[in-house]
Amino acid sequence: MSGEKPKVWIFRDYERCSGCRRCEIACSIRHEGRIWPEASRVRVFMPIPGLEIPHLCTQCPGYPCVEACPFDALLVDKNTGAVIVDRDKCTGCGKCIDACPGQIPFIHPRDGYAVICDLCGGEPECVKVCVEAGYNALITTPRSPSETYKVYARTPQDIAKDLVSKLYGEEWEGWV
């Protein structure tokens, strides 16, 4: 055993999300040094009242965002598997956003570079606060080479349609 931590992935249980946004607060404090949800790497969307969707990078196999960057500003951390943004190289062109199946990256509201979840070096703050609060909507799980991650790499609207259909029946899909 090498003593290395296994690469992790953040599993989302949308039905358990309360919409408290503790994940956004913890992330923004970790990365920005203050409460600033607009700059949080995890964002909670409410496409319809009562349905909260935590939205963050899924570290897709093949990393389409990394491949799309014309400035080599994105790289994959060998230890965590997370996408890391080199702020000095990133121009904020948005090619990573266009390449992402869930359009998850966004441009930092003040500094103009792409913002993507970096897994907090392997111990995500968003997961810590969600578990501490007892919601367990976000939990870490060992990463495996699987295409199932792409199930989560969708826009909040697409996820909402599936959840509404699952929770309330197909006749309610038009409400989203």
Foldseek 3Di string as FASTA:
>chain_A
DPPADFAKFKAFDQVLDPVPCPLLQQQCCLPVVGRDSLQGQWHWDPPDPPGIDIAADGLAVVLQLCVQDPQNQWDADPRHSFIDGNLVRFQLPQSSLVRFQASRWHAGPPSGGIRHDRCSRRPRRSQVVCVVVPSNRIDMDGDDPDRCSVVRRHYPLVVVLVVCCVPPNNVCSVVD
